[in-house]
């Protein structure tokens, strides 16, 4: 499970939403991923940081992932393709708790 940080996946996922995901076995990765899947990946430029994005396309062992809110998403358009060993999981369900989604001013 991981928590969404920021607005890059709006309107699908909001800041604070929880994403429950299934771990990916990299030996069978192409069998479970298709265009449009929401994936969890290690950030290619920030150690120990997970990102939640949508799979746009795949080429051999590389994956192009983007946020649904394209104007406010840092994704493969900025850092390039993700290598298959950086993919952690595929989203299975989401949990939105209003109290977790409040901004710092309480709104």
PDB file of N, CA and C in Angstrom:
ATOM      1  N   UNK A   1       0.847  -1.164   0.000  1.00  0.00           N
ATOM      2  CA  UNK A   1       0.000   0.000   0.000  1.00  0.00           C
ATOM      3  C   UNK A   1       0.900   1.238   0.000  1.00  0.00           C
ATOM      4  N   UNK A   2       0.424   2.282  -0.718  1.00  0.00           N
ATOM      5  CA  UNK A   2       1.149   3.548  -0.699  1.00  0.00           C
ATOM      6  C   UNK A   2       0.135   4.693  -0.720  1.00  0.00           C
ATOM      7  N   UNK A   3       0.580   5.874  -0.395  1.00  0.00           N
ATOM      8  CA  UNK A   3      -0.280   7.052  -0.341  1.00  0.00           C
ATOM      9  C   UNK A   3       0.082   7.992  -1.476  1.00  0.00           C
ATOM     10  N   UNK A   4      -0.943   8.544  -2.128  1.00  0.00           N
ATOM     11  CA  UNK A   4      -0.746   9.511  -3.206  1.00  0.00           C
ATOM     12  C   UNK A   4      -0.306  10.840  -2.605  1.00  0.00           C
ATOM     13  N   UNK A   5       0.731  11.413  -3.188  1.00  0.00           N
ATOM     14  CA  UNK A   5       1.217  12.725  -2.762  1.00  0.00           C
ATOM     15  C   UNK A   5       1.116  13.667  -3.959  1.00  0.00           C
ATOM     16  N   UNK A   6       0.392  14.737  -3.785  1.00  0.00           N
ATOM     17  CA  UNK A   6       0.267  15.712  -4.868  1.00  0.00           C
ATOM     18  C   UNK A   6      -0.975  15.507  -5.718  1.00  0.00           C
ATOM     19  N   UNK A   7      -1.020  16.252  -6.827  1.00  0.00           N
ATOM     20  CA  UNK A   7      -2.220  16.276  -7.667  1.00  0.00           C
ATOM     21  C   UNK A   7      -2.000  15.706  -9.064  1.00  0.00           C
ATOM     22  N   UNK A   8      -0.918  14.997  -9.267  1.00  0.00           N
ATOM     23  CA  UNK A   8      -0.587  14.524 -10.615  1.00  0.00           C
ATOM     24  C   UNK A   8      -1.549  13.469 -11.167  1.00  0.00           C
ATOM     25  N   UNK A   9      -2.328  12.827 -10.302  1.00  0.00           N
ATOM     26  CA  UNK A   9      -3.257  11.793 -10.782  1.00  0.00           C
ATOM     27  C   UNK A   9      -4.724  12.226 -10.718  1.00  0.00           C
ATOM     28  N   UNK A  10      -4.985  13.534 -10.494  1.00  0.00           N
ATOM     29  CA  UNK A  10      -6.364  14.023 -10.537  1.00  0.00           C
ATOM     30  C   UNK A  10      -6.937  13.841 -11.939  1.00  0.00           C
ATOM     31  N   UNK A  11      -8.174  13.536 -12.139  1.00  0.00           N
ATOM     32  CA  UNK A  11      -9.204  13.390 -11.119  1.00  0.00           C
ATOM     33  C   UNK A  11      -9.322  11.971 -10.554  1.00  0.00           C
ATOM     34  N   UNK A  12      -8.525  11.043 -11.067  1.00  0.00           N
ATOM     35  CA  UNK A  12      -8.636   9.646 -10.638  1.00  0.00           C
ATOM     36  C   UNK A  12      -8.282   9.470  -9.172  1.00  0.00           C
ATOM     37  N   UNK A  13      -7.148  10.026  -8.762  1.00  0.00           N
ATOM     38  CA  UNK A  13      -6.669   9.911  -7.383  1.00  0.00           C
ATOM     39  C   UNK A  13      -6.345  11.289  -6.843  1.00  0.00           C
ATOM     40  N   UNK A  14      -6.686  11.490  -5.572  1.00  0.00           N
ATOM     41  CA  UNK A  14      -6.430  12.768  -4.917  1.00  0.00           C
ATOM     42  C   UNK A  14      -5.274  12.630  -3.927  1.00  0.00           C
ATOM     43  N   UNK A  15      -4.717  13.766  -3.553  1.00  0.00           N
ATOM     44  CA  UNK A  15      -3.671  13.804  -2.531  1.00  0.00           C
ATOM     45  C   UNK A  15      -4.201  13.120  -1.262  1.00  0.00           C
ATOM     46  N   UNK A  16      -3.456  12.196  -0.730  1.00  0.00           N
ATOM     47  CA  UNK A  16      -3.841  11.487   0.484  1.00  0.00           C
ATOM     48  C   UNK A  16      -4.543  10.161   0.253  1.00  0.00           C
ATOM     49  N   UNK A  17      -5.010   9.901  -0.976  1.00  0.00           N
ATOM     50  CA  UNK A  17      -5.655   8.613  -1.254  1.00  0.00           C
ATOM     51  C   UNK A  17      -4.665   7.473  -1.029  1.00  0.00           C
ATOM     52  N   UNK A  18      -5.191   6.350  -0.589  1.00  0.00           N
ATOM     53  CA  UNK A  18      -4.362   5.154  -0.434  1.00  0.00           C
ATOM     54  C   UNK A  18      -4.540   4.268  -1.656  1.00  0.00           C
ATOM     55  N   UNK A  19      -3.442   3.719  -2.135  1.00  0.00           N
ATOM     56  CA  UNK A  19      -3.460   2.809  -3.278  1.00  0.00           C
ATOM     57  C   UNK A  19      -3.014   1.441  -2.781  1.00  0.00           C
ATOM     58  N   UNK A  20      -3.891   0.475  -2.956  1.00  0.00           N
ATOM     59  CA  UNK A  20      -3.551  -0.904  -2.613  1.00  0.00           C
ATOM     60  C   UNK A  20      -3.096  -1.567  -3.911  1.00  0.00           C
ATOM     61  N   UNK A  21      -1.894  -2.115  -3.880  1.00  0.00           N
ATOM     62  CA  UNK A  21      -1.353  -2.660  -5.120  1.00  0.00           C
ATOM     63  C   UNK A  21      -0.825  -4.078  -4.930  1.00  0.00           C
ATOM     64  N   UNK A  22      -0.758  -4.755  -6.057  1.00  0.00           N
ATOM     65  CA  UNK A  22      -0.200  -6.110  -6.101  1.00  0.00           C
ATOM     66  C   UNK A  22       1.231  -5.999  -6.606  1.00  0.00           C
ATOM     67  N   UNK A  23       2.152  -6.612  -5.882  1.00  0.00           N
ATOM     68  CA  UNK A  23       3.555  -6.592  -6.292  1.00  0.00           C
ATOM     69  C   UNK A  23       3.713  -7.272  -7.651  1.00  0.00           C
ATOM     70  N   UNK A  24       4.624  -6.748  -8.448  1.00  0.00           N
ATOM     71  CA  UNK A  24       4.873  -7.279  -9.792  1.00  0.00           C
ATOM     72  C   UNK A  24       6.100  -8.179  -9.759  1.00  0.00           C
ATOM     73  N   UNK A  25       5.964  -9.358 -10.336  1.00  0.00           N
ATOM     74  CA  UNK A  25       7.099 -10.242 -10.560  1.00  0.00           C
ATOM     75  C   UNK A  25       7.704  -9.828 -11.897  1.00  0.00           C
ATOM     76  N   UNK A  26       8.924  -9.289 -11.884  1.00  0.00           N
ATOM     77  CA  UNK A  26       9.489  -8.753 -13.126  1.00  0.00           C
ATOM     78  C   UNK A  26       9.690  -9.800 -14.211  1.00  0.00           C
ATOM     79  N   UNK A  27       9.685 -11.075 -13.846  1.00  0.00           N
ATOM     80  CA  UNK A  27       9.809 -12.120 -14.864  1.00  0.00           C
ATOM     81  C   UNK A  27       8.525 -12.278 -15.682  1.00  0.00           C
ATOM     82  N   UNK A  28       7.401 -11.818 -15.130  1.00  0.00           N
ATOM     83  CA  UNK A  28       6.108 -11.954 -15.814  1.00  0.00           C
ATOM     84  C   UNK A  28       5.430 -10.599 -15.999  1.00  0.00           C
ATOM     85  N   UNK A  29       6.204  -9.561 -16.015  1.00  0.00           N
ATOM     86  CA  UNK A  29       5.655  -8.208 -16.006  1.00  0.00           C
ATOM     87  C   UNK A  29       4.787  -7.905 -17.222  1.00  0.00           C
ATOM     88  N   UNK A  30       5.180  -8.359 -18.395  1.00  0.00           N
ATOM     89  CA  UNK A  30       4.406  -8.044 -19.590  1.00  0.00           C
ATOM     90  C   UNK A  30       3.070  -8.764 -19.620  1.00  0.00           C
ATOM     91  N   UNK A  31       2.919  -9.828 -18.838  1.00  0.00           N
ATOM     92  CA  UNK A  31       1.652 -10.552 -18.791  1.00  0.00           C
ATOM     93  C   UNK A  31       0.588  -9.794 -18.000  1.00  0.00           C
ATOM     94  N   UNK A  32       0.984  -8.948 -17.063  1.00  0.00           N
ATOM     95  CA  UNK A  32       0.003  -8.296 -16.185  1.00  0.00           C
ATOM     96  C   UNK A  32      -0.202  -6.813 -16.475  1.00  0.00           C
ATOM     97  N   UNK A  33       0.638  -6.217 -17.315  1.00  0.00           N
ATOM     98  CA  UNK A  33       0.518  -4.790 -17.585  1.00  0.00           C
ATOM     99  C   UNK A  33      -0.032  -4.524 -18.977  1.00  0.00           C
ATOM    100  N   UNK A  34      -0.956  -3.577 -19.032  1.00  0.00           N
ATOM    101  CA  UNK A  34      -1.462  -3.139 -20.323  1.00  0.00           C
ATOM    102  C   UNK A  34      -1.622  -1.630 -20.283  1.00  0.00           C
ATOM    103  N   UNK A  35      -1.727  -1.021 -21.445  1.00  0.00           N
ATOM    104  CA  UNK A  35      -1.905   0.428 -21.520  1.00  0.00           C
ATOM    105  C   UNK A  35      -3.108   0.821 -20.667  1.00  0.00           C
ATOM    106  N   UNK A  36      -2.923   1.860 -19.859  1.00  0.00           N
ATOM    107  CA  UNK A  36      -3.993   2.336 -18.988  1.00  0.00           C
ATOM    108  C   UNK A  36      -3.908   1.833 -17.565  1.00  0.00           C
ATOM    109  N   UNK A  37      -3.077   0.820 -17.319  1.00  0.00           N
ATOM    110  CA  UNK A  37      -2.907   0.311 -15.952  1.00  0.00           C
ATOM    111  C   UNK A  37      -2.291   1.400 -15.079  1.00  0.00           C
ATOM    112  N   UNK A  38      -2.730   1.476 -13.827  1.00  0.00           N
ATOM    113  CA  UNK A  38      -2.100   2.385 -12.873  1.00  0.00           C
ATOM    114  C   UNK A  38      -1.016   1.590 -12.162  1.00  0.00           C
ATOM    115  N   UNK A  39       0.198   2.108 -12.227  1.00  0.00           N
ATOM    116  CA  UNK A  39       1.348   1.389 -11.691  1.00  0.00           C
ATOM    117  C   UNK A  39       2.035   2.200 -10.594  1.00  0.00           C
ATOM    118  N   UNK A  40       2.739   1.480  -9.745  1.00  0.00           N
ATOM    119  CA  UNK A  40       3.570   2.082  -8.713  1.00  0.00           C
ATOM    120  C   UNK A  40       5.008   1.778  -9.099  1.00  0.00           C
ATOM    121  N   UNK A  41       5.827   2.807  -9.089  1.00  0.00           N
ATOM    122  CA  UNK A  41       7.211   2.657  -9.535  1.00  0.00           C
ATOM    123  C   UNK A  41       8.148   3.385  -8.587  1.00  0.00           C
ATOM    124  N   UNK A  42       9.369   2.918  -8.530  1.00  0.00           N
ATOM    125  CA  UNK A  42      10.417   3.679  -7.855  1.00  0.00           C
ATOM    126  C   UNK A  42      10.707   4.896  -8.725  1.00  0.00           C
ATOM    127  N   UNK A  43      10.868   6.038  -8.094  1.00  0.00           N
ATOM    128  CA  UNK A  43      11.200   7.245  -8.843  1.00  0.00           C
ATOM    129  C   UNK A  43      12.614   7.087  -9.396  1.00  0.00           C
ATOM    130  N   UNK A  44      12.825   7.377 -10.679  1.00  0.00           N
ATOM    131  CA  UNK A  44      14.162   7.169 -11.260  1.00  0.00           C
ATOM    132  C   UNK A  44      15.221   8.158 -10.774  1.00  0.00           C
ATOM    133  N   UNK A  45      14.788   9.289 -10.190  1.00  0.00           N
ATOM    134  CA  UNK A  45      15.749  10.310  -9.770  1.00  0.00           C
ATOM    135  C   UNK A  45      15.804  10.539  -8.264  1.00  0.00           C
ATOM    136  N   UNK A  46      14.831   9.973  -7.532  1.00  0.00           N
ATOM    137  CA  UNK A  46      14.771  10.174  -6.072  1.00  0.00           C
ATOM    138  C   UNK A  46      14.787   8.814  -5.377  1.00  0.00           C
ATOM    139  N   UNK A  47      15.841   8.547  -4.644  1.00  0.00           N
ATOM    140  CA  UNK A  47      15.971   7.263  -3.944  1.00  0.00           C
ATOM    141  C   UNK A  47      14.860   7.102  -2.908  1.00  0.00           C
ATOM    142  N   UNK A  48      14.374   5.883  -2.764  1.00  0.00           N
ATOM    143  CA  UNK A  48      13.360   5.525  -1.760  1.00  0.00           C
ATOM    144  C   UNK A  48      12.066   6.335  -1.889  1.00  0.00           C
ATOM    145  N   UNK A  49      11.682   6.694  -3.100  1.00  0.00           N
ATOM    146  CA  UNK A  49      10.469   7.478  -3.336  1.00  0.00           C
ATOM    147  C   UNK A  49       9.623   6.761  -4.383  1.00  0.00           C
ATOM    148  N   UNK A  50       8.384   6.443  -4.017  1.00  0.00           N
ATOM    149  CA  UNK A  50       7.483   5.765  -4.957  1.00  0.00           C
ATOM    150  C   UNK A  50       6.574   6.782  -5.637  1.00  0.00           C
ATOM    151  N   UNK A  51       6.245   6.501  -6.898  1.00  0.00           N
ATOM    152  CA  UNK A  51       5.315   7.338  -7.642  1.00  0.00           C
ATOM    153  C   UNK A  51       4.181   6.472  -8.182  1.00  0.00           C
ATOM    154  N   UNK A  52       3.019   7.096  -8.338  1.00  0.00           N
ATOM    155  CA  UNK A  52       1.834   6.427  -8.870  1.00  0.00           C
ATOM    156  C   UNK A  52       1.490   7.112 -10.188  1.00  0.00           C
ATOM    157  N   UNK A  53       1.504   6.349 -11.276  1.00  0.00           N
ATOM    158  CA  UNK A  53       1.242   6.907 -12.605  1.00  0.00           C
ATOM    159  C   UNK A  53       0.486   5.881 -13.450  1.00  0.00           C
ATOM    160  N   UNK A  54       0.083   6.310 -14.629  1.00  0.00           N
ATOM    161  CA  UNK A  54      -0.638   5.446 -15.557  1.00  0.00           C
ATOM    162  C   UNK A  54       0.310   5.021 -16.682  1.00  0.00           C
ATOM    163  N   UNK A  55       0.247   3.741 -17.042  1.00  0.00           N
ATOM    164  CA  UNK A  55       1.086   3.223 -18.130  1.00  0.00           C
ATOM    165  C   UNK A  55       0.548   3.714 -19.464  1.00  0.00           C
ATOM    166  N   UNK A  56       1.377   4.421 -20.185  1.00  0.00           N
ATOM    167  CA  UNK A  56       1.005   4.957 -21.492  1.00  0.00           C
ATOM    168  C   UNK A  56       1.433   4.011 -22.613  1.00  0.00           C
ATOM    169  N   UNK A  57       2.678   3.512 -22.518  1.00  0.00           N
ATOM    170  CA  UNK A  57       3.145   2.540 -23.526  1.00  0.00           C
ATOM    171  C   UNK A  57       4.347   1.788 -22.981  1.00  0.00           C
ATOM    172  N   UNK A  58       4.616   0.653 -23.611  1.00  0.00           N
ATOM    173  CA  UNK A  58       5.769  -0.142 -23.213  1.00  0.00           C
ATOM    174  C   UNK A  58       6.554  -0.553 -24.441  1.00  0.00           C
ATOM    175  N   UNK A  59       7.861  -0.571 -24.275  1.00  0.00           N
ATOM    176  CA  UNK A  59       8.777  -0.964 -25.339  1.00  0.00           C
ATOM    177  C   UNK A  59       9.836  -1.879 -24.736  1.00  0.00           C
ATOM    178  N   UNK A  60       9.729  -3.147 -25.034  1.00  0.00           N
ATOM    179  CA  UNK A  60      10.617  -4.169 -24.475  1.00  0.00           C
ATOM    180  C   UNK A  60      10.606  -4.092 -22.952  1.00  0.00           C
ATOM    181  N   UNK A  61      11.713  -3.728 -22.329  1.00  0.00           N
ATOM    182  CA  UNK A  61      11.794  -3.677 -20.863  1.00  0.00           C
ATOM    183  C   UNK A  61      11.731  -2.251 -20.323  1.00  0.00           C
ATOM    184  N   UNK A  62      11.151  -1.342 -21.128  1.00  0.00           N
ATOM    185  CA  UNK A  62      11.020   0.058 -20.716  1.00  0.00           C
ATOM    186  C   UNK A  62       9.554   0.463 -20.770  1.00  0.00           C
ATOM    187  N   UNK A  63       9.171   1.340 -19.811  1.00  0.00           N
ATOM    188  CA  UNK A  63       7.765   1.718 -19.666  1.00  0.00           C
ATOM    189  C   UNK A  63       7.630   3.227 -19.579  1.00  0.00           C
ATOM    190  N   UNK A  64       6.701   3.779 -20.369  1.00  0.00           N
ATOM    191  CA  UNK A  64       6.431   5.211 -20.382  1.00  0.00           C
ATOM    192  C   UNK A  64       5.194   5.434 -19.533  1.00  0.00           C
ATOM    193  N   UNK A  65       5.364   6.168 -18.430  1.00  0.00           N
ATOM    194  CA  UNK A  65       4.262   6.378 -17.481  1.00  0.00           C
ATOM    195  C   UNK A  65       3.973   7.871 -17.347  1.00  0.00           C
ATOM    196  N   UNK A  66       2.672   8.200 -17.228  1.00  0.00           N
ATOM    197  CA  UNK A  66       2.277   9.599 -17.125  1.00  0.00           C
ATOM    198  C   UNK A  66       1.204   9.773 -16.057  1.00  0.00           C
ATOM    199  N   UNK A  67       1.085  10.978 -15.544  1.00  0.00           N
ATOM    200  CA  UNK A  67       0.020  11.308 -14.605  1.00  0.00           C
ATOM    201  C   UNK A  67      -1.237  11.692 -15.363  1.00  0.00           C
ATOM    202  N   UNK A  68      -2.393  11.461 -14.766  1.00  0.00           N
ATOM    203  CA  UNK A  68      -3.655  11.829 -15.405  1.00  0.00           C
ATOM    204  C   UNK A  68      -3.795  13.345 -15.523  1.00  0.00           C
ATOM    205  N   UNK A  69      -3.247  14.080 -14.590  1.00  0.00           N
ATOM    206  CA  UNK A  69      -3.309  15.542 -14.574  1.00  0.00           C
ATOM    207  C   UNK A  69      -2.020  16.055 -15.228  1.00  0.00           C
ATOM    208  N   UNK A  70      -1.984  15.969 -16.546  1.00  0.00           N
ATOM    209  CA  UNK A  70      -0.742  16.172 -17.300  1.00  0.00           C
ATOM    210  C   UNK A  70      -0.066  17.529 -17.077  1.00  0.00           C
ATOM    211  N   UNK A  71      -0.859  18.560 -16.789  1.00  0.00           N
ATOM    212  CA  UNK A  71      -0.259  19.879 -16.566  1.00  0.00           C
ATOM    213  C   UNK A  71       0.499  19.976 -15.244  1.00  0.00           C
ATOM    214  N   UNK A  72       0.239  19.023 -14.324  1.00  0.00           N
ATOM    215  CA  UNK A  72       0.858  19.079 -13.000  1.00  0.00           C
ATOM    216  C   UNK A  72       1.536  17.763 -12.630  1.00  0.00           C
ATOM    217  N   UNK A  73       2.060  17.070 -13.621  1.00  0.00           N
ATOM    218  CA  UNK A  73       2.685  15.773 -13.362  1.00  0.00           C
ATOM    219  C   UNK A  73       4.119  15.749 -13.869  1.00  0.00           C
ATOM    220  N   UNK A  74       5.007  15.319 -12.995  1.00  0.00           N
ATOM    221  CA  UNK A  74       6.382  15.019 -13.400  1.00  0.00           C
ATOM    222  C   UNK A  74       6.396  13.522 -13.683  1.00  0.00           C
ATOM    223  N   UNK A  75       6.658  13.157 -14.911  1.00  0.00           N
ATOM    224  CA  UNK A  75       6.523  11.769 -15.325  1.00  0.00           C
ATOM    225  C   UNK A  75       7.515  11.448 -16.435  1.00  0.00           C
ATOM    226  N   UNK A  76       7.238  10.427 -17.224  1.00  0.00           N
ATOM    227  CA  UNK A  76       8.177  10.012 -18.270  1.00  0.00           C
ATOM    228  C   UNK A  76       8.441  11.095 -19.307  1.00  0.00           C
ATOM    229  N   UNK A  77       7.562  12.055 -19.413  1.00  0.00           N
ATOM    230  CA  UNK A  77       7.829  13.181 -20.317  1.00  0.00           C
ATOM    231  C   UNK A  77       9.004  14.012 -19.815  1.00  0.00           C
ATOM    232  N   UNK A  78       9.302  13.908 -18.504  1.00  0.00           N
ATOM    233  CA  UNK A  78      10.403  14.665 -17.898  1.00  0.00           C
ATOM    234  C   UNK A  78      11.639  13.804 -17.643  1.00  0.00           C
ATOM    235  N   UNK A  79      11.432  12.570 -17.164  1.00  0.00           N
ATOM    236  CA  UNK A  79      12.579  11.730 -16.803  1.00  0.00           C
ATOM    237  C   UNK A  79      12.762  10.510 -17.703  1.00  0.00           C
ATOM    238  N   UNK A  80      11.982  10.382 -18.737  1.00  0.00           N
ATOM    239  CA  UNK A  80      12.157   9.288 -19.693  1.00  0.00           C
ATOM    240  C   UNK A  80      11.482   7.994 -19.248  1.00  0.00           C
ATOM    241  N   UNK A  81      11.774   6.952 -19.965  1.00  0.00           N
ATOM    242  CA  UNK A  81      11.187   5.641 -19.695  1.00  0.00           C
ATOM    243  C   UNK A  81      11.644   5.096 -18.347  1.00  0.00           C
ATOM    244  N   UNK A  82      10.779   4.296 -17.731  1.00  0.00           N
ATOM    245  CA  UNK A  82      11.096   3.583 -16.494  1.00  0.00           C
ATOM    246  C   UNK A  82      11.574   2.178 -16.886  1.00  0.00           C
ATOM    247  N   UNK A  83      12.647   1.736 -16.276  1.00  0.00           N
ATOM    248  CA  UNK A  83      13.123   0.376 -16.513  1.00  0.00           C
ATOM    249  C   UNK A  83      12.243  -0.615 -15.743  1.00  0.00           C
ATOM    250  N   UNK A  84      12.093  -1.824 -16.254  1.00  0.00           N
ATOM    251  CA  UNK A  84      11.173  -2.779 -15.626  1.00  0.00           C
ATOM    252  C   UNK A  84      11.541  -3.085 -14.180  1.00  0.00           C
ATOM    253  N   UNK A  85      12.799  -3.053 -13.822  1.00  0.00           N
ATOM    254  CA  UNK A  85      13.183  -3.352 -12.439  1.00  0.00           C
ATOM    255  C   UNK A  85      12.741  -2.259 -11.466  1.00  0.00           C
ATOM    256  N   UNK A  86      12.339  -1.087 -11.984  1.00  0.00           N
ATOM    257  CA  UNK A  86      11.834  -0.012 -11.122  1.00  0.00           C
ATOM    258  C   UNK A  86      10.343  -0.124 -10.849  1.00  0.00           C
ATOM    259  N   UNK A  87       9.633  -0.942 -11.605  1.00  0.00           N
ATOM    260  CA  UNK A  87       8.200  -1.105 -11.369  1.00  0.00           C
ATOM    261  C   UNK A  87       7.987  -1.976 -10.144  1.00  0.00           C
ATOM    262  N   UNK A  88       7.152  -1.494  -9.234  1.00  0.00           N
ATOM    263  CA  UNK A  88       6.926  -2.153  -7.953  1.00  0.00           C
ATOM    264  C   UNK A  88       5.610  -2.921  -7.941  1.00  0.00           C
ATOM    265  N   UNK A  89       4.554  -2.311  -8.500  1.00  0.00           N
ATOM    266  CA  UNK A  89       3.256  -2.962  -8.428  1.00  0.00           C
ATOM    267  C   UNK A  89       2.240  -2.375  -9.376  1.00  0.00           C
ATOM    268  N   UNK A  90       1.090  -3.042  -9.433  1.00  0.00           N
ATOM    269  CA  UNK A  90      -0.037  -2.586 -10.229  1.00  0.00           C
ATOM    270  C   UNK A  90      -1.208  -2.350  -9.274  1.00  0.00           C
ATOM    271  N   UNK A  91      -1.846  -1.187  -9.412  1.00  0.00           N
ATOM    272  CA  UNK A  91      -2.933  -0.809  -8.510  1.00  0.00           C
ATOM    273  C   UNK A  91      -4.104  -1.773  -8.639  1.00  0.00           C
ATOM    274  N   UNK A  92      -4.641  -2.172  -7.488  1.00  0.00           N
ATOM    275  CA  UNK A  92      -5.815  -3.040  -7.470  1.00  0.00           C
ATOM    276  C   UNK A  92      -7.035  -2.315  -6.936  1.00  0.00           C
ATOM    277  N   UNK A  93      -6.845  -1.439  -5.955  1.00  0.00           N
ATOM    278  CA  UNK A  93      -7.971  -0.672  -5.420  1.00  0.00           C
ATOM    279  C   UNK A  93      -7.457   0.599  -4.773  1.00  0.00           C
ATOM    280  N   UNK A  94      -8.415   1.501  -4.503  1.00  0.00           N
ATOM    281  CA  UNK A  94      -8.084   2.809  -3.960  1.00  0.00           C
ATOM    282  C   UNK A  94      -8.998   3.097  -2.775  1.00  0.00           C
ATOM    283  N   UNK A  95      -8.465   3.832  -1.837  1.00  0.00           N
ATOM    284  CA  UNK A  95      -9.233   4.200  -0.658  1.00  0.00           C
ATOM    285  C   UNK A  95      -9.058   5.696  -0.429  1.00  0.00           C
ATOM    286  N   UNK A  96     -10.175   6.404  -0.449  1.00  0.00           N
ATOM    287  CA  UNK A  96     -10.148   7.840  -0.230  1.00  0.00           C
ATOM    288  C   UNK A  96     -10.809   8.141   1.100  1.00  0.00           C
ATOM    289  N   UNK A  97     -10.040   8.673   2.020  1.00  0.00           N
ATOM    290  CA  UNK A  97     -10.558   9.054   3.332  1.00  0.00           C
ATOM    291  C   UNK A  97     -10.531  10.567   3.415  1.00  0.00           C
ATOM    292  N   UNK A  98     -11.697  11.219   3.505  1.00  0.00           N
ATOM    293  CA  UNK A  98     -11.738  12.684   3.492  1.00  0.00           C
ATOM    294  C   UNK A  98     -10.795  13.345   4.491  1.00  0.00           C
ATOM    295  N   UNK A  99     -10.641  12.779   5.668  1.00  0.00           N
ATOM    296  CA  UNK A  99      -9.766  13.393   6.673  1.00  0.00           C
ATOM    297  C   UNK A  99      -8.306  13.398   6.230  1.00  0.00           C
ATOM    298  N   UNK A 100      -7.906  12.412   5.403  1.00  0.00           N
ATOM    299  CA  UNK A 100      -6.530  12.355   4.914  1.00  0.00           C
ATOM    300  C   UNK A 100      -6.297  13.326   3.772  1.00  0.00           C
ATOM    301  N   UNK A 101      -7.364  13.767   3.125  1.00  0.00           N
ATOM    302  CA  UNK A 101      -7.239  14.594   1.947  1.00  0.00           C
ATOM    303  C   UNK A 101      -7.334  16.090   2.220  1.00  0.00           C
ATOM    304  N   UNK A 102      -7.493  16.481   3.489  1.00  0.00           N
ATOM    305  CA  UNK A 102      -7.589  17.898   3.805  1.00  0.00           C
ATOM    306  C   UNK A 102      -6.257  18.599   3.600  1.00  0.00           C
ATOM    307  N   UNK A 103      -6.333  19.827   3.150  1.00  0.00           N
ATOM    308  CA  UNK A 103      -5.124  20.617   3.020  1.00  0.00           C
ATOM    309  C   UNK A 103      -4.690  21.089   4.412  1.00  0.00           C
ATOM    310  N   UNK A 104      -3.567  21.703   4.478  1.00  0.00           N
ATOM    311  CA  UNK A 104      -3.025  22.117   5.770  1.00  0.00           C
ATOM    312  C   UNK A 104      -3.893  23.184   6.445  1.00  0.00           C
ATOM    313  N   UNK A 105      -4.748  23.904   5.682  1.00  0.00           N
ATOM    314  CA  UNK A 105      -5.596  24.907   6.301  1.00  0.00           C
ATOM    315  C   UNK A 105      -6.959  24.344   6.711  1.00  0.00           C
ATOM    316  N   UNK A 106      -7.138  23.015   6.617  1.00  0.00           N
ATOM    317  CA  UNK A 106      -8.339  22.348   7.080  1.00  0.00           C
ATOM    318  C   UNK A 106      -9.464  22.257   6.069  1.00  0.00           C
ATOM    319  N   UNK A 107      -9.239  22.714   4.839  1.00  0.00           N
ATOM    320  CA  UNK A 107     -10.287  22.672   3.805  1.00  0.00           C
ATOM    321  C   UNK A 107     -10.183  21.427   2.968  1.00  0.00           C
TER     322      UNK A 107
END
